[in-house]
Amino acid sequence: MTSDQAPTGRDRLRELLDAVLDEGNRTLTEMAGDAFASPWHFSRQVARGAGESPVALRRRVELERAAWQLAGGASVTEAAFAAGYESVEGFSRAFRRAYGRTPGQPCAAHTRDGHWLPAPNGVHFHPPTSLWVTGEQGARGGDEVTALLVHHALEDTRALLDLATGLPEEEYRRPRVPGLEVLPWDGPEESLAAVLDHLVWTTDVWLASVEGADHPDRAADDPVALLARHDEAAPRWLAFVRDVSRRGAWGDRLVDALCDPPETFVLGSVVAHVLTFGAHRRQLARHWFRAAGVGVDAGDPIDWLTRRSS
């Protein structure tokens, strides 16, 4: 692209970030070539859209990644070369200018934003290999309902998992609808075991994404194991949603570099996704519990809130 007019109908921010931050693009010429633009037009597009030059944006994000790596125990040498510096001395000078301390000094807590530097565009490194793009802080109107829905979903999931602990193994794993898929990329969910496993797994995966943790491994799917996993993840997921609500940060974006090509997720849509398909799976599980001869309630949030308030 040789015009400095941003195209419509596409996530141009993500396209620019892809070119600026691609591991193989170390120079402005390489970045511009990846975006099909001349270096001059590319620099102008990035500076206008992000408030930083491509080189400055890449350098800052790489320093943020280095700070996160150092907080996790990496050596100064490892962090320096991973950030693209040719010498430890050059890296140390840049790090000190940015953070006001040497890379060998004690660093901030290993949190989601403890390594962030001031940014004019809200673009930050998000571990392990993603980006976090903060949005404008919004009003809190309606957020209390979202937090209530998430709280209900977590407690309702736990109630179903607890109910499954009394189910015979053959009923728990019996295929109910062969070939059923709730979401194509999740694979078949033909049994109560599969549906309940996906309920827990979905929270595990998104929690790892927003916390910047490693992608979780699939674990045992028996009801006791699922209960333990759920009880460990549920309070963290609820705390995350309440923090987003408190900050009015529903418009923040997570750019997941593990996707090919990288994909942008808006936090509000992530929570809506989890709530939508979680509700579907819980009602599907209820239908199959009844088919197995197990009595189960309707899962109504009104009844849930009434019980909590009494």
Foldseek 3Di string as FASTA:
>chain_A
DADLDDDPPDPVVVLLCCLLAPPVDPDLCSSQVSSVYHSVSSQVNCCVQFVDGSNVVLLQQLLLQLLLVLLVPDDLVVSCVSSPHPDSVVVQVVNCVQPVDGSVDDADHNFQCRSHTDGPFQWHAGADGKIKTFDDFDDLPPLVVLLLLLVLLLVLLLVLLVLQLPPDPCLQPPFQDPFDDLDVVLGDDRGNLSLSLVLLLLLQQVLCQSGRHDGDDRDDRRSVVSNVSSVVRSVSVSVVSVVCSVRSGQQMWMFAVVDVNTDIDRNVVSSVVSSVSSVVSSQVSQVSCVVSVHDDDPSDSVVVVVVVVD
